[in-house]
Amino acid sequence: MTLLDRRLVLAPMAGGPSTVGLAAAVTAAGGFGFLAGAYLAPDRLRDDIVLLRAAAGAASFGVNLFAPSPYEPGSAARVLEYAARLQPLADKAGVGLGESIHDDDSFDAKIEVVLAERPAVVSFAFAWPPADVVDRLQAAGIEVWVTVNDAGETAWADALGVDAIVAQGWEAGGHRGGPVDTGHHQAPTRMLLQSIRQLTSLPVIAAGGVGDGAHVAALLDAGAHAVACGTAFLRADEAGTAEVHRHELGVRSDTVVTRAFTGRSARALVTSWTEVFTEVAPAAYPQVHHLTAPLRSHGKATGQPDLVHLWAGTGHRTARQAPAAEIVAELSSRL
């Protein structure tokens, strides 16, 4: 496994926070850096990998991709109904809603990019990568990790022949990365880690709600091979996190798991958007993601937090503005 001497992992955070500079800084400080490949054009992903390799030198790093979510024909009507509910909000902001298309985020092209550029690890979220993709990546010397939110998915990961499992607990910020998005409450990080460890000999990376060095050490003691932290780096100097997001992390307290922004369950800070639309948002990713994208972009640009998907784990109040190297040092202080 690539991480034998790197116990702290930078969780990939697609949509802005993940940058080459952040991954490079975490890697230079002794962590394992990840680039979030989701939402990037394939050429941009290639450029970012090249830049990170130049910055990281001989150090290993990973790339995360979203495996394509299956299309459910019955979702179209539900998305249209949701669009009608959102229309007054968009009208008030003076922004048009996006086209609720279903796409695969250029998955095949991005696989070709990582096969050519060969990062040490490619991890997947949202669905299982096809078996032939796993075989091709491993044949190229690239480790394959998959994300799970439920211990019952462990046998599937074993059968797929992957190299490691990312156990993403209920406390994690951002999207649920596992292949089955039930929308139901799931196991907390430590319990999920322990359940998975009983079912497989694969290395397990624990993720979710980690805010300090004591929590990192506790998860390692509980059997994690490494610990991934995302929210802790949202306010890092090198992160691409929007200013409105950075600010709200320090002033809002509560989080909620909601489909209101993208059609897929994700943990975010509570806002008027989550309070009004969480119960009516359909399970339809990426259609809802594309539908709401212009409105959310407008919120970022104008500093309106109630129009932004403020992803945050339960430990978000411990996140602080600092160079990534200082954050790595704090999270690694008990190792």
Protein backbone atom coordinates (compact mmCIF):
# COMPACT_ATOMS: atom_id res chain seq x y z
CA MET A 1 0.00 0.00 0.00
CA THR A 2 1.25 3.48 -0.88
CA LEU A 3 0.53 5.00 2.53
CA LEU A 4 2.75 2.90 4.77
CA ASP A 5 4.65 5.99 5.95
CA ARG A 6 1.88 8.58 5.40
CA ARG A 7 -0.90 8.23 7.91
CA LEU A 8 -2.67 11.51 7.18
CA VAL A 9 -4.55 11.92 3.90
CA LEU A 10 -5.93 15.10 2.35
CA ALA A 11 -9.49 14.22 1.37
CA PRO A 12 -10.36 15.28 -2.19
CA MET A 13 -12.83 18.18 -2.20
CA ALA A 14 -14.22 18.79 -5.66
CA GLY A 15 -15.76 22.01 -6.87
CA GLY A 16 -13.17 24.52 -5.72
CA PRO A 17 -11.42 23.71 -2.41
CA SER A 18 -9.11 21.12 -3.99
CA THR A 19 -6.12 22.82 -5.61
CA VAL A 20 -2.69 21.81 -6.78
CA GLY A 21 -1.22 24.15 -4.18
CA LEU A 22 -3.13 22.52 -1.34
CA ALA A 23 -2.23 18.99 -2.38
CA ALA A 24 1.41 19.99 -2.82
CA ALA A 25 1.57 21.69 0.57
CA VAL A 26 0.03 18.73 2.37
CA THR A 27 2.40 16.35 0.60
CA ALA A 28 5.43 18.48 1.43
CA ALA A 29 4.37 18.52 5.09
CA GLY A 30 4.28 14.72 5.28
CA GLY A 31 0.67 13.98 4.36
CA PHE A 32 -0.72 12.22 1.32
CA GLY A 33 -2.18 14.73 -1.10
CA PHE A 34 -5.20 14.18 -3.34
CA LEU A 35 -6.46 16.08 -6.35
CA ALA A 36 -10.22 16.12 -6.86
CA GLY A 37 -10.76 15.29 -10.51
CA ALA A 38 -14.54 15.64 -10.49
CA TYR A 39 -16.00 18.60 -12.44
CA LEU A 40 -12.67 19.26 -14.16
CA ALA A 41 -12.29 18.96 -17.91
CA PRO A 42 -9.93 16.09 -18.82
CA ASP A 43 -7.28 18.49 -20.15
CA ARG A 44 -7.42 20.52 -16.93
CA LEU A 45 -7.06 17.32 -14.89
CA ARG A 46 -3.99 16.36 -16.89
CA ASP A 47 -2.46 19.80 -16.41
CA ASP A 48 -3.09 19.69 -12.67
CA ILE A 49 -1.49 16.27 -12.33
CA VAL A 50 1.57 17.47 -14.20
CA LEU A 51 1.81 20.56 -11.98
CA LEU A 52 1.40 18.54 -8.79
CA ARG A 53 4.03 16.04 -9.86
CA ALA A 54 6.47 18.86 -10.50
CA ALA A 55 5.71 20.34 -7.07
CA ALA A 56 5.70 17.04 -5.17
CA GLY A 57 8.92 15.68 -6.62
CA ALA A 58 9.25 11.99 -5.83
CA ALA A 59 6.38 11.99 -3.34
CA SER A 60 3.26 9.97 -4.11
CA PHE A 61 -0.20 11.49 -4.49
CA GLY A 62 -3.69 10.46 -5.54
CA VAL A 63 -6.52 11.54 -7.84
CA ASN A 64 -10.21 11.13 -7.03
CA LEU A 65 -12.90 10.58 -9.67
CA PHE A 66 -16.67 10.29 -9.51
CA ALA A 67 -17.80 7.03 -11.08
CA PRO A 68 -20.93 7.58 -13.20
CA SER A 69 -24.25 7.47 -11.38
CA PRO A 70 -26.98 5.42 -13.09
CA TYR A 71 -29.85 7.31 -14.66
CA GLU A 72 -33.31 6.61 -13.30
CA PRO A 73 -35.94 7.42 -15.96
CA GLY A 74 -38.57 8.28 -13.36
CA SER A 75 -36.38 11.03 -11.92
CA ALA A 76 -37.06 13.53 -14.72
CA ALA A 77 -40.51 14.47 -13.47
CA ARG A 78 -39.26 14.87 -9.91
CA VAL A 79 -36.47 17.16 -11.07
CA LEU A 80 -38.93 19.31 -13.02
CA GLU A 81 -41.10 19.61 -9.92
CA TYR A 82 -38.07 20.63 -7.88
CA ALA A 83 -37.13 23.21 -10.51
CA ALA A 84 -40.57 24.76 -10.15
CA ARG A 85 -40.05 25.04 -6.39
CA LEU A 86 -36.64 26.67 -6.91
CA GLN A 87 -37.80 29.11 -9.58
CA PRO A 88 -38.92 31.90 -7.18
CA LEU A 89 -35.50 31.77 -5.49
CA ALA A 90 -33.77 32.01 -8.86
CA ASP A 91 -36.06 34.84 -9.97
CA LYS A 92 -35.29 36.80 -6.82
CA ALA A 93 -31.56 36.38 -7.44
CA GLY A 94 -31.94 37.28 -11.11
CA VAL A 95 -30.31 34.03 -12.19
CA GLY A 96 -31.57 31.34 -14.54
CA LEU A 97 -31.60 27.73 -13.40
CA GLY A 98 -29.32 25.30 -15.21
CA GLU A 99 -30.23 22.51 -17.59
CA SER A 100 -30.92 19.35 -15.61
CA ILE A 101 -28.86 16.99 -17.76
CA HIS A 102 -27.49 13.60 -16.83
CA ASP A 103 -23.85 13.10 -17.75
CA ASP A 104 -20.85 11.00 -16.69
CA ASP A 105 -18.39 13.86 -16.01
CA SER A 106 -16.18 12.71 -18.93
CA PHE A 107 -15.40 9.53 -17.02
CA ASP A 108 -13.79 7.54 -19.83
CA ALA A 109 -11.59 10.43 -20.89
CA LYS A 110 -10.42 10.98 -17.32
CA ILE A 111 -9.55 7.30 -16.98
CA GLU A 112 -7.31 7.70 -20.02
CA VAL A 113 -5.69 10.75 -18.40
CA VAL A 114 -4.82 8.92 -15.17
CA LEU A 115 -3.61 5.87 -17.09
CA ALA A 116 -1.24 8.13 -19.01
CA GLU A 117 -0.10 10.23 -16.04
CA ARG A 118 -0.03 7.41 -13.47
CA PRO A 119 -0.60 8.94 -10.04
CA ALA A 120 0.07 6.48 -7.24
CA VAL A 121 -3.62 6.12 -6.37
CA VAL A 122 -6.96 6.66 -8.07
CA SER A 123 -9.91 6.65 -5.70
CA PHE A 124 -13.56 6.50 -6.69
CA ALA A 125 -16.73 7.90 -5.20
CA PHE A 126 -20.46 7.72 -6.02
CA ALA A 127 -20.40 4.31 -7.75
CA TRP A 128 -18.21 1.30 -8.33
CA PRO A 129 -15.65 1.65 -11.09
CA PRO A 130 -16.11 -0.99 -13.81
CA ALA A 131 -14.03 -4.12 -13.26
CA ASP A 132 -12.08 -3.58 -16.48
CA VAL A 133 -11.14 -0.08 -15.32
CA VAL A 134 -9.84 -1.48 -12.04
CA ASP A 135 -7.80 -4.06 -13.94
CA ARG A 136 -6.33 -1.47 -16.31
CA LEU A 137 -5.36 0.88 -13.50
CA GLN A 138 -3.72 -1.85 -11.46
CA ALA A 139 -1.90 -3.17 -14.53
CA ALA A 140 -0.46 0.34 -14.90
CA GLY A 141 0.82 0.23 -11.32
CA ILE A 142 -1.92 2.47 -9.91
CA GLU A 143 -3.66 1.56 -6.67
CA VAL A 144 -7.47 1.65 -6.68
CA TRP A 145 -9.47 2.77 -3.66
CA VAL A 146 -13.24 2.87 -3.34
CA THR A 147 -15.45 4.78 -0.91
CA VAL A 148 -18.10 3.10 1.22
CA ASN A 149 -20.61 4.43 3.73
CA ASP A 150 -22.04 1.08 4.79
CA ALA A 151 -20.14 -1.99 6.00
CA GLY A 152 -22.47 -4.13 3.89
CA GLU A 153 -20.66 -2.82 0.81
CA THR A 154 -17.35 -4.31 1.92
CA ALA A 155 -17.88 -7.65 0.18
CA TRP A 156 -18.44 -5.83 -3.11
CA ALA A 157 -15.14 -4.01 -2.71
CA ASP A 158 -13.35 -7.29 -1.98
CA ALA A 159 -14.93 -8.92 -5.02
CA LEU A 160 -13.89 -6.00 -7.21
CA GLY A 161 -10.28 -6.57 -6.17
CA VAL A 162 -9.48 -3.02 -5.08
CA ASP A 163 -6.42 -2.11 -3.03
CA ALA A 164 -8.04 -0.18 -0.18
CA ILE A 165 -11.36 1.08 1.19
CA VAL A 166 -12.16 4.62 2.29
CA ALA A 167 -14.63 4.28 5.18
CA GLN A 168 -16.54 7.56 5.12
CA GLY A 169 -18.55 7.96 8.30
CA TRP A 170 -21.77 9.85 8.85
CA GLU A 171 -19.94 12.88 10.28
CA ALA A 172 -18.13 13.63 7.00
CA GLY A 173 -18.71 16.87 5.15
CA GLY A 174 -19.68 16.96 1.51
CA HIS A 175 -21.17 14.15 -0.52
CA ARG A 176 -21.74 10.62 0.69
CA GLY A 177 -19.18 8.86 -1.47
CA GLY A 178 -20.50 5.31 -1.30
CA PRO A 179 -22.24 3.54 -4.18
CA VAL A 180 -25.68 3.37 -2.56
CA ASP A 181 -27.24 6.69 -1.59
CA THR A 182 -30.17 5.70 0.59
CA GLY A 183 -30.55 9.08 2.26
CA HIS A 184 -30.87 7.27 5.59
CA HIS A 185 -28.72 7.78 8.66
CA GLN A 186 -25.50 5.77 8.49
CA ALA A 187 -22.82 4.61 10.91
CA PRO A 188 -20.40 7.09 12.47
CA THR A 189 -16.78 6.90 11.39
CA ARG A 190 -15.34 4.83 14.22
CA MET A 191 -18.18 2.30 14.15
CA LEU A 192 -17.99 2.01 10.35
CA LEU A 193 -14.22 1.51 10.52
CA GLN A 194 -14.50 -1.24 13.09
CA SER A 195 -17.29 -3.01 11.20
CA ILE A 196 -15.34 -2.98 7.95
CA ARG A 197 -12.15 -4.17 9.64
CA GLN A 198 -14.02 -7.25 10.83
CA LEU A 199 -15.03 -8.09 7.26
CA THR A 200 -11.87 -7.58 5.23
CA SER A 201 -8.09 -7.63 5.32
CA LEU A 202 -7.93 -4.67 2.93
CA PRO A 203 -6.37 -1.48 4.27
CA VAL A 204 -9.02 0.98 5.47
CA ILE A 205 -8.73 4.77 5.43
CA ALA A 206 -11.10 6.35 7.96
CA ALA A 207 -12.80 9.63 7.09
CA GLY A 208 -15.44 11.84 8.66
CA GLY A 209 -15.62 14.51 11.33
CA VAL A 210 -11.90 14.51 12.14
CA GLY A 211 -10.90 17.82 13.64
CA ASP A 212 -7.75 17.35 15.72
CA GLY A 213 -4.73 15.19 16.40
CA ALA A 214 -6.41 13.23 19.18
CA HIS A 215 -9.17 12.14 16.82
CA VAL A 216 -6.63 11.10 14.17
CA ALA A 217 -4.69 9.05 16.72
CA ALA A 218 -7.87 7.42 18.05
CA LEU A 219 -8.91 6.23 14.60
CA LEU A 220 -5.45 4.85 13.91
CA ASP A 221 -5.54 3.04 17.23
CA ALA A 222 -8.94 1.63 16.23
CA GLY A 223 -7.41 -0.02 13.18
CA ALA A 224 -7.36 2.59 10.42
CA HIS A 225 -4.33 2.38 8.17
CA ALA A 226 -4.63 6.12 7.58
CA VAL A 227 -7.04 8.95 8.30
CA ALA A 228 -8.46 11.34 5.69
CA CYS A 229 -9.31 14.94 6.60
CA GLY A 230 -11.18 17.37 4.38
CA THR A 231 -13.11 19.96 6.34
CA ALA A 232 -10.02 20.65 8.46
CA PHE A 233 -8.35 22.02 5.31
CA LEU A 234 -11.23 24.11 3.94
CA ARG A 235 -9.79 27.26 5.47
CA ALA A 236 -6.17 26.46 4.60
CA ASP A 237 -4.36 29.29 2.87
CA GLU A 238 -3.80 27.12 -0.21
CA ALA A 239 -7.39 25.88 -0.52
CA GLY A 240 -9.66 27.22 -3.24
CA THR A 241 -12.62 27.53 -0.86
CA ALA A 242 -14.89 30.47 -1.63
CA GLU A 243 -14.60 33.38 0.79
CA VAL A 244 -18.26 33.16 1.81
CA HIS A 245 -17.73 29.47 2.65
CA ARG A 246 -14.60 30.19 4.70
CA HIS A 247 -16.46 32.80 6.72
CA GLU A 248 -19.54 30.72 7.43
CA LEU A 249 -17.48 27.78 8.71
CA GLY A 250 -16.54 29.92 11.68
CA VAL A 251 -19.95 31.38 12.50
CA ARG A 252 -22.53 28.65 11.84
CA SER A 253 -22.91 25.70 14.18
CA ASP A 254 -25.29 23.09 12.80
CA THR A 255 -24.91 20.80 9.82
CA VAL A 256 -27.42 18.65 7.96
CA VAL A 257 -27.27 15.88 5.37
CA THR A 258 -29.28 17.08 2.39
CA ARG A 259 -29.94 16.40 -1.30
CA ALA A 260 -31.10 19.96 -1.83
CA PHE A 261 -28.05 21.17 -3.75
CA THR A 262 -27.05 18.29 -6.02
CA GLY A 263 -29.59 15.51 -5.74
CA ARG A 264 -27.12 13.39 -3.78
CA SER A 265 -26.85 13.26 0.00
CA ALA A 266 -24.19 15.60 1.33
CA ARG A 267 -23.44 17.21 4.68
CA ALA A 268 -23.54 21.02 4.70
CA LEU A 269 -24.00 23.90 7.09
CA VAL A 270 -27.65 24.61 7.81
CA THR A 271 -28.97 27.53 5.76
CA SER A 272 -32.37 28.72 4.63
CA TRP A 273 -31.89 26.63 1.46
CA THR A 274 -31.41 23.42 3.44
CA GLU A 275 -34.29 24.23 5.77
CA VAL A 276 -36.75 24.91 2.95
CA PHE A 277 -35.73 22.34 0.35
CA THR A 278 -34.16 19.33 2.09
CA GLU A 279 -37.45 17.48 2.45
CA VAL A 280 -38.53 18.02 -1.16
CA ALA A 281 -35.30 17.62 -3.11
CA PRO A 282 -35.28 14.49 -5.30
CA ALA A 283 -32.60 11.82 -5.41
CA ALA A 284 -31.31 12.71 -8.86
CA TYR A 285 -27.57 13.28 -9.29
CA PRO A 286 -26.16 14.91 -11.36
CA GLN A 287 -29.37 16.46 -12.73
CA VAL A 288 -30.02 18.54 -9.60
CA HIS A 289 -26.34 19.50 -9.46
CA HIS A 290 -26.58 21.02 -12.95
CA LEU A 291 -29.98 22.56 -12.21
CA THR A 292 -28.76 24.50 -9.17
CA ALA A 293 -25.19 25.23 -10.30
CA PRO A 294 -25.84 28.77 -11.68
CA LEU A 295 -27.66 29.81 -8.53
CA ARG A 296 -24.91 28.46 -6.29
CA SER A 297 -22.21 30.13 -8.39
CA HIS A 298 -24.10 33.41 -8.06
CA GLY A 299 -24.17 32.96 -4.28
CA LYS A 300 -20.41 32.49 -4.18
CA ALA A 301 -19.74 35.47 -6.41
CA THR A 302 -22.00 37.80 -4.43
CA GLY A 303 -21.24 36.48 -0.94
CA GLN A 304 -24.75 35.19 -0.19
CA PRO A 305 -24.31 32.13 2.04
CA ASP A 306 -27.94 31.04 1.78
CA LEU A 307 -27.42 30.41 -1.93
CA VAL A 308 -24.24 28.34 -1.50
CA HIS A 309 -23.62 24.67 -0.77
CA LEU A 310 -21.55 25.15 2.38
CA TRP A 311 -20.10 21.64 2.69
CA ALA A 312 -18.88 20.95 6.21
CA GLY A 313 -18.27 17.99 8.48
CA THR A 314 -19.41 17.89 12.07
CA GLY A 315 -15.98 19.05 13.25
CA HIS A 316 -16.03 22.21 11.15
CA ARG A 317 -15.71 24.65 14.03
CA THR A 318 -12.13 23.45 14.62
CA ALA A 319 -11.10 24.38 11.06
CA ARG A 320 -8.89 27.45 11.09
CA GLN A 321 -7.22 29.81 8.68
CA ALA A 322 -3.58 28.72 8.45
CA PRO A 323 -0.99 27.36 6.04
CA ALA A 324 -1.69 23.73 5.19
CA ALA A 325 1.64 22.70 6.74
CA GLU A 326 0.51 23.99 10.14
CA ILE A 327 -2.77 22.09 9.85
CA VAL A 328 -0.92 18.89 8.96
CA ALA A 329 1.33 19.39 11.98
CA GLU A 330 -1.67 19.82 14.29
CA LEU A 331 -3.50 16.79 12.92
CA SER A 332 -0.32 14.71 13.17
CA SER A 333 0.63 15.88 16.66
CA ARG A 334 -0.31 12.61 18.37
CA LEU A 335 1.32 10.29 15.85
